[in-house]
Amino acid sequence: MNSQAMRGLVTSVTRVSPTVSKIQVRLSFGLKYFPGQSIWISPLSERLIGGGLTGFYHLCGCPETALRTNQYEFLAETNPLLGLIRGLGIVKVGDFLKVEGPIGAFWPLSARPEQNLVWVASPAKLGPFLACVQSQNFQRIRPKNIVLLVEMHSEETFSFREIFESRGVKVVHWGKVSDLLKSDWVRLDFRNSRFFISTEKPLLRELWSLLINEKQVSNDQILHEEKVLNHARENSNMRIAPAALTFRD
């Protein structure tokens, strides 16, 4: 699947929590993507803060529905006091964005049949998992046991819990994920689990150290978006699809 560049019209901006917004754009032509892939956003309006390239955002809607309706959704971090969206400022309905993608292959179902899946996310980076559970093929190919751990602040509400639980994913969202993994609150067979981590870098480093050094989880059991995006940058002219999923540091 080759990356494309196109113009996107913002059709909806919805605050889903104090620190997260969901943005919907209508693209100039259809974009076929897999759950776990991202887009690169650049603002086209001079009114938006932080012009130029602004970074990756996770597509979070159902891939099949998006292709049919030409409406694409992604999550973005919001400043709770100023209402500014990370990299895009005060983006609103009617604005145009430059959209490039799809990029990466963070496929959250890449595990052996006997393995448990542990998804770890911060609220603004739930996109890969949201797109996955809403995909039409999810129930057919999913492993039996999936646990989603979400790093939440006490004042936040988890808007997407019903979506995950209705599809059989056990959701735990309380405090720090690292504290959860150290406690008996979440009982995990660490040696028989595959971990998919979609968080900001400081939390990613903390979790990586915890899993590798304290829980004796092997490198091959952990996949995080930085691995995938670094691989995508190094191989920008390559076709990136869910079949190529094993990356090493």
C-alpha atoms as a PDB file:
ATOM      1  CA  MET A   1       0.000   0.000   0.000  1.00  0.00           C
ATOM      2  CA  ASN A   2       1.736   3.173  -1.193  1.00  0.00           C
ATOM      3  CA  SER A   3       1.572   6.400   0.778  1.00  0.00           C
ATOM      4  CA  GLN A   4      -0.509   9.197  -0.760  1.00  0.00           C
ATOM      5  CA  ALA A   5      -0.708  12.958  -0.184  1.00  0.00           C
ATOM      6  CA  MET A   6      -4.066  14.693  -0.384  1.00  0.00           C
ATOM      7  CA  ARG A   7      -6.151  17.531   0.997  1.00  0.00           C
ATOM      8  CA  GLY A   8      -8.565  16.852   3.828  1.00  0.00           C
ATOM      9  CA  LEU A   9     -11.547  19.003   4.860  1.00  0.00           C
ATOM     10  CA  VAL A  10     -12.232  19.012   8.612  1.00  0.00           C
ATOM     11  CA  THR A  11     -15.881  17.995   9.037  1.00  0.00           C
ATOM     12  CA  SER A  12     -16.018  17.394  12.799  1.00  0.00           C
ATOM     13  CA  VAL A  13     -14.007  18.218  15.946  1.00  0.00           C
ATOM     14  CA  THR A  14     -15.274  16.446  19.068  1.00  0.00           C
ATOM     15  CA  ARG A  15     -13.815  16.697  22.565  1.00  0.00           C
ATOM     16  CA  VAL A  16     -13.965  13.124  23.912  1.00  0.00           C
ATOM     17  CA  SER A  17     -12.175  13.866  27.207  1.00  0.00           C
ATOM     18  CA  PRO A  18     -10.524  16.881  28.870  1.00  0.00           C
ATOM     19  CA  THR A  19      -7.264  16.094  27.058  1.00  0.00           C
ATOM     20  CA  VAL A  20      -8.294  14.291  23.858  1.00  0.00           C
ATOM     21  CA  SER A  21     -10.190  15.364  20.729  1.00  0.00           C
ATOM     22  CA  LYS A  22     -11.413  13.280  17.808  1.00  0.00           C
ATOM     23  CA  ILE A  23     -11.085  14.956  14.419  1.00  0.00           C
ATOM     24  CA  GLN A  24     -12.884  13.809  11.293  1.00  0.00           C
ATOM     25  CA  VAL A  25     -11.724  14.775   7.807  1.00  0.00           C
ATOM     26  CA  ARG A  26     -13.130  14.177   4.342  1.00  0.00           C
ATOM     27  CA  LEU A  27     -10.332  13.431   1.895  1.00  0.00           C
ATOM     28  CA  SER A  28     -10.072  14.350  -1.759  1.00  0.00           C
ATOM     29  CA  PHE A  29     -10.085  10.633  -2.619  1.00  0.00           C
ATOM     30  CA  GLY A  30     -10.355   7.320  -0.790  1.00  0.00           C
ATOM     31  CA  LEU A  31      -7.587   6.063   1.474  1.00  0.00           C
ATOM     32  CA  LYS A  32      -7.407   2.346   2.179  1.00  0.00           C
ATOM     33  CA  TYR A  33      -5.645   1.601   5.460  1.00  0.00           C
ATOM     34  CA  PHE A  34      -5.142  -1.208   7.944  1.00  0.00           C
ATOM     35  CA  PRO A  35      -5.845  -0.918  11.689  1.00  0.00           C
ATOM     36  CA  GLY A  36      -2.722   0.434  13.346  1.00  0.00           C
ATOM     37  CA  GLN A  37      -1.616   2.661  10.482  1.00  0.00           C
ATOM     38  CA  SER A  38      -1.106   6.406  10.855  1.00  0.00           C
ATOM     39  CA  ILE A  39      -1.279   9.583   8.794  1.00  0.00           C
ATOM     40  CA  TRP A  40       1.061  12.563   8.652  1.00  0.00           C
ATOM     41  CA  ILE A  41      -0.766  15.881   9.086  1.00  0.00           C
ATOM     42  CA  SER A  42       0.288  19.348   7.937  1.00  0.00           C
ATOM     43  CA  PRO A  43      -2.002  22.395   8.391  1.00  0.00           C
ATOM     44  CA  LEU A  44      -2.837  24.311   5.216  1.00  0.00           C
ATOM     45  CA  SER A  45      -4.509  27.272   6.911  1.00  0.00           C
ATOM     46  CA  GLU A  46      -2.264  30.147   8.051  1.00  0.00           C
ATOM     47  CA  ARG A  47      -4.637  30.599  10.983  1.00  0.00           C
ATOM     48  CA  LEU A  48      -3.540  27.305  12.520  1.00  0.00           C
ATOM     49  CA  ILE A  49      -0.686  27.388  15.007  1.00  0.00           C
ATOM     50  CA  GLY A  50       2.504  25.507  14.219  1.00  0.00           C
ATOM     51  CA  GLY A  51       2.658  25.530  10.432  1.00  0.00           C
ATOM     52  CA  GLY A  52       4.679  23.002   8.491  1.00  0.00           C
ATOM     53  CA  LEU A  53       4.933  19.307   9.222  1.00  0.00           C
ATOM     54  CA  THR A  54       3.296  18.487  12.530  1.00  0.00           C
ATOM     55  CA  GLY A  55       3.658  14.733  12.942  1.00  0.00           C
ATOM     56  CA  PHE A  56       1.869  11.402  13.036  1.00  0.00           C
ATOM     57  CA  TYR A  57      -1.719  10.819  14.118  1.00  0.00           C
ATOM     58  CA  HIS A  58      -3.412   7.457  14.565  1.00  0.00           C
ATOM     59  CA  LEU A  59      -6.409   6.628  12.392  1.00  0.00           C
ATOM     60  CA  CYS A  60      -9.063   5.434  14.824  1.00  0.00           C
ATOM     61  CA  GLY A  61     -12.247   4.676  12.851  1.00  0.00           C
ATOM     62  CA  CYS A  62     -13.450   1.526  11.149  1.00  0.00           C
ATOM     63  CA  PRO A  63     -11.251   1.135   8.010  1.00  0.00           C
ATOM     64  CA  GLU A  64     -14.043  -0.315   5.876  1.00  0.00           C
ATOM     65  CA  THR A  65     -16.542   2.407   6.844  1.00  0.00           C
ATOM     66  CA  ALA A  66     -13.958   5.145   6.256  1.00  0.00           C
ATOM     67  CA  LEU A  67     -13.238   3.895   2.745  1.00  0.00           C
ATOM     68  CA  ARG A  68     -16.959   3.687   1.945  1.00  0.00           C
ATOM     69  CA  THR A  69     -17.898   7.140   3.315  1.00  0.00           C
ATOM     70  CA  ASN A  70     -14.565   8.899   2.659  1.00  0.00           C
ATOM     71  CA  GLN A  71     -14.623  10.179   6.258  1.00  0.00           C
ATOM     72  CA  TYR A  72     -11.469   9.517   8.285  1.00  0.00           C
ATOM     73  CA  GLU A  73     -10.994   9.966  12.024  1.00  0.00           C
ATOM     74  CA  PHE A  74      -7.924  10.475  14.192  1.00  0.00           C
ATOM     75  CA  LEU A  75      -7.256  11.331  17.830  1.00  0.00           C
ATOM     76  CA  ALA A  76      -5.198  14.311  18.995  1.00  0.00           C
ATOM     77  CA  GLU A  77      -4.031  15.602  22.337  1.00  0.00           C
ATOM     78  CA  THR A  78      -5.847  18.733  23.532  1.00  0.00           C
ATOM     79  CA  ASN A  79      -4.670  21.379  25.977  1.00  0.00           C
ATOM     80  CA  PRO A  80      -7.480  21.315  28.584  1.00  0.00           C
ATOM     81  CA  LEU A  81      -7.084  25.018  29.434  1.00  0.00           C
ATOM     82  CA  LEU A  82      -6.459  26.620  26.039  1.00  0.00           C
ATOM     83  CA  GLY A  83      -8.360  24.192  23.838  1.00  0.00           C
ATOM     84  CA  LEU A  84      -5.386  23.967  21.481  1.00  0.00           C
ATOM     85  CA  ILE A  85      -4.886  20.687  19.642  1.00  0.00           C
ATOM     86  CA  ARG A  86      -1.316  19.419  19.525  1.00  0.00           C
ATOM     87  CA  GLY A  87       0.367  20.586  16.332  1.00  0.00           C
ATOM     88  CA  LEU A  88      -2.833  22.019  14.867  1.00  0.00           C
ATOM     89  CA  GLY A  89      -3.753  24.858  17.230  1.00  0.00           C
ATOM     90  CA  ILE A  90      -7.430  25.842  17.149  1.00  0.00           C
ATOM     91  CA  VAL A  91      -8.486  23.569  14.324  1.00  0.00           C
ATOM     92  CA  LYS A  92     -12.189  23.782  13.476  1.00  0.00           C
ATOM     93  CA  VAL A  93     -14.776  22.559  10.994  1.00  0.00           C
ATOM     94  CA  GLY A  94     -14.053  23.951   7.529  1.00  0.00           C
ATOM     95  CA  ASP A  95     -10.265  23.981   7.882  1.00  0.00           C
ATOM     96  CA  PHE A  96      -8.121  22.153   5.339  1.00  0.00           C
ATOM     97  CA  LEU A  97      -5.272  19.824   6.276  1.00  0.00           C
ATOM     98  CA  LYS A  98      -2.635  18.146   4.169  1.00  0.00           C
ATOM     99  CA  VAL A  99      -2.903  14.415   4.845  1.00  0.00           C
ATOM    100  CA  GLU A 100      -0.223  11.880   3.882  1.00  0.00           C
ATOM    101  CA  GLY A 101      -0.492   8.146   4.435  1.00  0.00           C
ATOM    102  CA  PRO A 102      -1.098   5.474   5.325  1.00  0.00           C
ATOM    103  CA  ILE A 103       2.164   4.982   7.232  1.00  0.00           C
ATOM    104  CA  GLY A 104       3.431   2.129   9.405  1.00  0.00           C
ATOM    105  CA  ALA A 105       2.129  -1.305  10.282  1.00  0.00           C
ATOM    106  CA  PHE A 106       1.358  -1.356  14.000  1.00  0.00           C
ATOM    107  CA  TRP A 107      -0.901  -4.423  13.669  1.00  0.00           C
ATOM    108  CA  PRO A 108      -2.322  -5.094  17.170  1.00  0.00           C
ATOM    109  CA  LEU A 109      -3.361  -8.695  16.463  1.00  0.00           C
ATOM    110  CA  SER A 110       0.091 -10.023  15.624  1.00  0.00           C
ATOM    111  CA  ALA A 111       0.406 -12.897  18.094  1.00  0.00           C
ATOM    112  CA  ARG A 112       0.445 -16.663  18.207  1.00  0.00           C
ATOM    113  CA  PRO A 113      -2.929 -18.319  18.892  1.00  0.00           C
ATOM    114  CA  GLU A 114      -1.909 -19.397  22.396  1.00  0.00           C
ATOM    115  CA  GLN A 115      -0.642 -15.952  23.433  1.00  0.00           C
ATOM    116  CA  ASN A 116      -2.577 -13.360  25.420  1.00  0.00           C
ATOM    117  CA  LEU A 117      -2.646  -9.843  23.987  1.00  0.00           C
ATOM    118  CA  VAL A 118      -1.943  -6.894  26.239  1.00  0.00           C
ATOM    119  CA  TRP A 119      -2.680  -3.506  24.689  1.00  0.00           C
ATOM    120  CA  VAL A 120      -1.234  -0.505  26.528  1.00  0.00           C
ATOM    121  CA  ALA A 121      -2.231   3.034  25.566  1.00  0.00           C
ATOM    122  CA  SER A 122      -2.467   6.614  26.674  1.00  0.00           C
ATOM    123  CA  PRO A 123      -5.843   8.228  25.816  1.00  0.00           C
ATOM    124  CA  ALA A 124      -4.643  10.224  22.788  1.00  0.00           C
ATOM    125  CA  LYS A 125      -2.953   7.145  21.300  1.00  0.00           C
ATOM    126  CA  LEU A 126      -5.827   4.673  21.377  1.00  0.00           C
ATOM    127  CA  GLY A 127      -6.259   4.894  17.607  1.00  0.00           C
ATOM    128  CA  PRO A 128      -4.607   1.574  16.617  1.00  0.00           C
ATOM    129  CA  PHE A 129      -6.763  -0.375  19.049  1.00  0.00           C
ATOM    130  CA  LEU A 130      -9.988   1.490  18.245  1.00  0.00           C
ATOM    131  CA  ALA A 131      -9.520   0.882  14.518  1.00  0.00           C
ATOM    132  CA  CYS A 132      -8.712  -2.761  15.204  1.00  0.00           C
ATOM    133  CA  VAL A 133     -11.806  -3.633  17.266  1.00  0.00           C
ATOM    134  CA  GLN A 134     -14.079  -1.790  14.822  1.00  0.00           C
ATOM    135  CA  SER A 135     -12.665  -3.576  11.783  1.00  0.00           C
ATOM    136  CA  GLN A 136     -15.052  -6.020  10.154  1.00  0.00           C
ATOM    137  CA  ASN A 137     -12.511  -8.847  10.474  1.00  0.00           C
ATOM    138  CA  PHE A 138     -11.761  -8.376  14.178  1.00  0.00           C
ATOM    139  CA  GLN A 139     -13.995 -11.068  15.682  1.00  0.00           C
ATOM    140  CA  ARG A 140     -12.941 -13.600  13.059  1.00  0.00           C
ATOM    141  CA  ILE A 141      -9.188 -13.351  13.620  1.00  0.00           C
ATOM    142  CA  ARG A 142      -8.842 -12.097  17.210  1.00  0.00           C
ATOM    143  CA  PRO A 143      -7.134 -14.162  19.937  1.00  0.00           C
ATOM    144  CA  LYS A 144      -9.280 -15.273  22.848  1.00  0.00           C
ATOM    145  CA  ASN A 145      -7.854 -13.021  25.570  1.00  0.00           C
ATOM    146  CA  ILE A 146      -7.194  -9.314  25.076  1.00  0.00           C
ATOM    147  CA  VAL A 147      -6.594  -6.847  27.905  1.00  0.00           C
ATOM    148  CA  LEU A 148      -6.450  -3.086  27.350  1.00  0.00           C
ATOM    149  CA  LEU A 149      -4.564  -1.011  29.947  1.00  0.00           C
ATOM    150  CA  VAL A 150      -5.102   2.741  29.641  1.00  0.00           C
ATOM    151  CA  GLU A 151      -2.973   5.333  31.430  1.00  0.00           C
ATOM    152  CA  MET A 152      -5.596   7.726  32.823  1.00  0.00           C
ATOM    153  CA  HIS A 153      -5.580  10.813  35.006  1.00  0.00           C
ATOM    154  CA  SER A 154      -8.144  10.775  37.792  1.00  0.00           C
ATOM    155  CA  GLU A 155     -10.258  13.549  36.261  1.00  0.00           C
ATOM    156  CA  GLU A 156     -10.579  11.906  32.875  1.00  0.00           C
ATOM    157  CA  THR A 157     -13.414   9.765  31.607  1.00  0.00           C
ATOM    158  CA  PHE A 158     -12.834   6.889  29.218  1.00  0.00           C
ATOM    159  CA  SER A 159     -15.196   7.589  26.326  1.00  0.00           C
ATOM    160  CA  PHE A 160     -14.467   4.423  24.352  1.00  0.00           C
ATOM    161  CA  ARG A 161     -14.865   1.777  27.042  1.00  0.00           C
ATOM    162  CA  GLU A 162     -18.197   0.511  25.685  1.00  0.00           C
ATOM    163  CA  ILE A 163     -16.725   0.000  22.196  1.00  0.00           C
ATOM    164  CA  PHE A 164     -13.962  -2.237  23.525  1.00  0.00           C
ATOM    165  CA  GLU A 165     -16.039  -4.175  26.047  1.00  0.00           C
ATOM    166  CA  SER A 166     -18.818  -4.867  23.529  1.00  0.00           C
ATOM    167  CA  ARG A 167     -16.193  -6.685  21.461  1.00  0.00           C
ATOM    168  CA  GLY A 168     -14.881  -8.779  24.337  1.00  0.00           C
ATOM    169  CA  VAL A 169     -11.818  -6.740  25.294  1.00  0.00           C
ATOM    170  CA  LYS A 170     -11.189  -6.471  29.034  1.00  0.00           C
ATOM    171  CA  VAL A 171     -10.553  -2.816  29.882  1.00  0.00           C
ATOM    172  CA  VAL A 172      -8.591  -1.572  32.889  1.00  0.00           C
ATOM    173  CA  HIS A 173      -8.121   2.166  33.271  1.00  0.00           C
ATOM    174  CA  TRP A 174      -6.848   3.281  36.618  1.00  0.00           C
ATOM    175  CA  GLY A 175      -3.826   5.391  37.528  1.00  0.00           C
ATOM    176  CA  LYS A 176      -0.389   4.547  36.165  1.00  0.00           C
ATOM    177  CA  VAL A 177      -0.027   1.503  33.947  1.00  0.00           C
ATOM    178  CA  SER A 178       3.394   0.743  35.423  1.00  0.00           C
ATOM    179  CA  ASP A 179       1.823   0.527  38.885  1.00  0.00           C
ATOM    180  CA  LEU A 180      -0.853  -1.790  37.525  1.00  0.00           C
ATOM    181  CA  LEU A 181       1.722  -4.115  36.005  1.00  0.00           C
ATOM    182  CA  LYS A 182       3.649  -4.245  39.282  1.00  0.00           C
ATOM    183  CA  SER A 183       0.549  -5.004  41.359  1.00  0.00           C
ATOM    184  CA  ASP A 184      -1.768  -8.008  41.601  1.00  0.00           C
ATOM    185  CA  TRP A 185      -4.651  -5.945  40.216  1.00  0.00           C
ATOM    186  CA  VAL A 186      -4.011  -7.252  36.714  1.00  0.00           C
ATOM    187  CA  ARG A 187      -2.999 -10.913  36.725  1.00  0.00           C
ATOM    188  CA  LEU A 188      -0.926 -11.575  33.627  1.00  0.00           C
ATOM    189  CA  ASP A 189       1.076 -14.501  32.378  1.00  0.00           C
ATOM    190  CA  PHE A 190       3.949 -12.302  31.239  1.00  0.00           C
ATOM    191  CA  ARG A 191       5.832 -15.125  29.525  1.00  0.00           C
ATOM    192  CA  ASN A 192       2.815 -16.038  27.419  1.00  0.00           C
ATOM    193  CA  SER A 193       1.711 -12.519  26.430  1.00  0.00           C
ATOM    194  CA  ARG A 194       2.430 -10.136  23.549  1.00  0.00           C
ATOM    195  CA  PHE A 195       2.519  -6.444  24.417  1.00  0.00           C
ATOM    196  CA  PHE A 196       1.507  -3.641  22.061  1.00  0.00           C
ATOM    197  CA  ILE A 197       2.357  -0.202  23.450  1.00  0.00           C
ATOM    198  CA  SER A 198       0.975   3.035  22.032  1.00  0.00           C
ATOM    199  CA  THR A 199       1.982   5.852  24.390  1.00  0.00           C
ATOM    200  CA  GLU A 200       4.108   8.965  24.654  1.00  0.00           C
ATOM    201  CA  LYS A 201       7.874   8.364  24.779  1.00  0.00           C
ATOM    202  CA  PRO A 202       8.465   8.873  28.546  1.00  0.00           C
ATOM    203  CA  LEU A 203       5.843   6.259  29.439  1.00  0.00           C
ATOM    204  CA  LEU A 204       7.072   3.989  26.645  1.00  0.00           C
ATOM    205  CA  ARG A 205      10.601   4.015  28.080  1.00  0.00           C
ATOM    206  CA  GLU A 206       9.276   3.338  31.584  1.00  0.00           C
ATOM    207  CA  LEU A 207       7.149   0.398  30.451  1.00  0.00           C
ATOM    208  CA  TRP A 208       9.901  -1.046  28.279  1.00  0.00           C
ATOM    209  CA  SER A 209      12.319  -1.051  31.211  1.00  0.00           C
ATOM    210  CA  LEU A 210       9.729  -2.596  33.529  1.00  0.00           C
ATOM    211  CA  LEU A 211       8.792  -5.401  31.153  1.00  0.00           C
ATOM    212  CA  ILE A 212      12.340  -6.262  30.081  1.00  0.00           C
ATOM    213  CA  ASN A 213      14.180  -5.873  33.387  1.00  0.00           C
ATOM    214  CA  GLU A 214      11.603  -6.738  36.039  1.00  0.00           C
ATOM    215  CA  LYS A 215       9.115  -9.019  34.295  1.00  0.00           C
ATOM    216  CA  GLN A 216      11.664 -10.845  32.109  1.00  0.00           C
ATOM    217  CA  VAL A 217       9.647 -10.229  28.940  1.00  0.00           C
ATOM    218  CA  SER A 218      11.692 -10.759  25.771  1.00  0.00           C
ATOM    219  CA  ASN A 219      12.207  -8.091  23.125  1.00  0.00           C
ATOM    220  CA  ASP A 220      10.232 -10.173  20.623  1.00  0.00           C
ATOM    221  CA  GLN A 221       7.151 -10.012  22.867  1.00  0.00           C
ATOM    222  CA  ILE A 222       6.936  -6.217  22.685  1.00  0.00           C
ATOM    223  CA  LEU A 223       5.895  -4.080  19.731  1.00  0.00           C
ATOM    224  CA  HIS A 224       5.571  -0.324  20.008  1.00  0.00           C
ATOM    225  CA  GLU A 225       4.868   2.380  17.478  1.00  0.00           C
ATOM    226  CA  GLU A 226       8.359   3.890  17.573  1.00  0.00           C
ATOM    227  CA  LYS A 227       9.783   0.622  16.269  1.00  0.00           C
ATOM    228  CA  VAL A 228       7.293   0.640  13.419  1.00  0.00           C
ATOM    229  CA  LEU A 229       7.537   4.329  12.520  1.00  0.00           C
ATOM    230  CA  ASN A 230      11.340   4.264  12.563  1.00  0.00           C
ATOM    231  CA  HIS A 231      11.209   1.304  10.213  1.00  0.00           C
ATOM    232  CA  ALA A 232       8.730   3.184   8.005  1.00  0.00           C
ATOM    233  CA  ARG A 233      10.998   6.246   7.825  1.00  0.00           C
ATOM    234  CA  GLU A 234      13.992   4.095   6.886  1.00  0.00           C
ATOM    235  CA  ASN A 235      11.965   2.308   4.196  1.00  0.00           C
ATOM    236  CA  SER A 236       9.743   5.143   2.967  1.00  0.00           C
ATOM    237  CA  ASN A 237       9.605   3.801  -0.579  1.00  0.00           C
ATOM    238  CA  MET A 238       8.631   0.295   0.487  1.00  0.00           C
ATOM    239  CA  ARG A 239       5.140  -1.137   0.573  1.00  0.00           C
ATOM    240  CA  ILE A 240       4.238  -1.398   4.283  1.00  0.00           C
ATOM    241  CA  ALA A 241       1.584  -3.939   5.218  1.00  0.00           C
ATOM    242  CA  PRO A 242       0.571  -6.049   8.244  1.00  0.00           C
ATOM    243  CA  ALA A 243       2.528  -9.025   6.919  1.00  0.00           C
ATOM    244  CA  ALA A 244       5.862  -7.400   7.830  1.00  0.00           C
ATOM    245  CA  LEU A 245       5.594  -7.111  11.555  1.00  0.00           C
ATOM    246  CA  THR A 246       8.777  -8.267  13.285  1.00  0.00           C
ATOM    247  CA  PHE A 247      11.188  -5.435  13.966  1.00  0.00           C
ATOM    248  CA  ARG A 248      14.291  -5.488  16.108  1.00  0.00           C
ATOM    249  CA  ASP A 249      16.181  -2.634  17.674  1.00  0.00           C
END
